[in-house]
Protein backbone atom coordinates (compact mmCIF):
# COMPACT_ATOMS: atom_id res chain seq x y z
CA MET A 1 -0.02 -0.01 0.01
CA GLY A 2 1.54 3.30 -1.13
CA LEU A 3 1.27 6.65 0.56
CA SER A 4 -1.44 7.75 -1.89
CA ASP A 5 -3.50 4.69 -0.90
CA LYS A 6 -3.19 5.62 2.74
CA LYS A 7 -4.26 9.19 2.07
CA ARG A 8 -7.40 7.98 0.29
CA LYS A 9 -8.23 5.58 3.20
CA GLY A 10 -8.50 8.31 5.77
CA MET A 11 -5.52 10.40 6.62
CA TYR A 12 -7.51 13.61 5.98
CA ASP A 13 -9.66 15.17 8.68
CA VAL A 14 -12.17 16.38 6.10
CA TYR A 15 -12.71 15.06 2.60
CA GLY A 16 -15.48 15.40 -0.02
CA LYS A 17 -17.05 13.26 -2.64
CA THR A 18 -19.70 14.08 -5.33
CA ASP A 19 -22.24 11.77 -6.80
CA ALA A 20 -24.35 13.42 -9.51
CA SER A 21 -26.07 16.30 -7.73
CA LEU A 22 -25.23 15.18 -4.14
CA GLY A 23 -22.05 16.45 -2.55
CA SER A 24 -20.86 14.70 0.65
CA VAL A 25 -18.41 16.25 3.10
CA PHE A 26 -17.04 13.62 5.47
CA MET A 27 -15.60 14.44 8.93
CA ASN A 28 -12.83 11.96 9.72
CA ARG A 29 -11.71 12.67 13.29
CA GLU A 30 -13.23 9.76 15.13
CA HIS A 31 -10.07 9.55 17.27
CA ARG A 32 -11.12 12.96 18.64
CA TYR A 33 -14.81 12.20 18.48
CA ASN A 34 -15.15 14.75 15.65
CA MET A 35 -14.78 17.47 18.33
CA LEU A 36 -15.06 20.89 16.69
CA SER A 37 -11.89 23.00 16.97
CA PRO A 38 -11.21 26.28 15.12
CA ASN A 39 -9.00 24.53 12.54
CA PHE A 40 -11.50 21.65 12.08
CA ILE A 41 -14.29 24.17 11.52
CA THR A 42 -12.18 25.95 8.94
CA GLU A 43 -11.60 22.64 7.07
CA ILE A 44 -15.32 21.81 7.12
CA THR A 45 -16.12 25.31 5.92
CA ARG A 46 -13.64 24.96 3.07
CA GLY A 47 -15.17 21.61 2.05
CA VAL A 48 -18.73 23.00 2.04
CA GLU A 49 -17.68 26.13 0.17
CA THR A 50 -15.93 23.92 -2.48
CA MET A 51 -19.08 21.89 -2.94
CA ASN A 52 -21.14 25.14 -3.14
CA ILE A 53 -18.96 26.43 -6.00
CA ASP A 54 -19.67 23.30 -8.07
CA HIS A 55 -22.79 24.17 -9.99
CA MET A 56 -23.81 20.57 -10.46
CA VAL A 57 -24.23 19.98 -6.70
CA ASP A 58 -27.77 20.70 -5.49
CA CYS A 59 -27.45 19.20 -2.00
CA ILE A 60 -24.54 19.07 0.44
CA PHE A 61 -24.53 16.29 3.01
CA LEU A 62 -22.28 16.61 6.08
CA THR A 63 -21.56 13.27 7.73
CA THR A 64 -18.92 11.25 9.58
CA ALA A 65 -16.54 9.06 7.61
CA LYS A 66 -17.73 5.84 9.23
CA GLY A 67 -21.37 6.41 8.67
């Protein structure tokens, strides 16, 4: 498993994915119980704003990485 595989499997605190008109922003800090800190809020905001810029996304879903 290379470094890029590890990054895709959850080294990021916040990551996003689009599926047609649904944009999903995943919070991936289970080790910290997804506790909101100023930096974590900034990352979440950046993810939501990125989804908002994409004109194909009609709905943004904020969820945890594990479901």
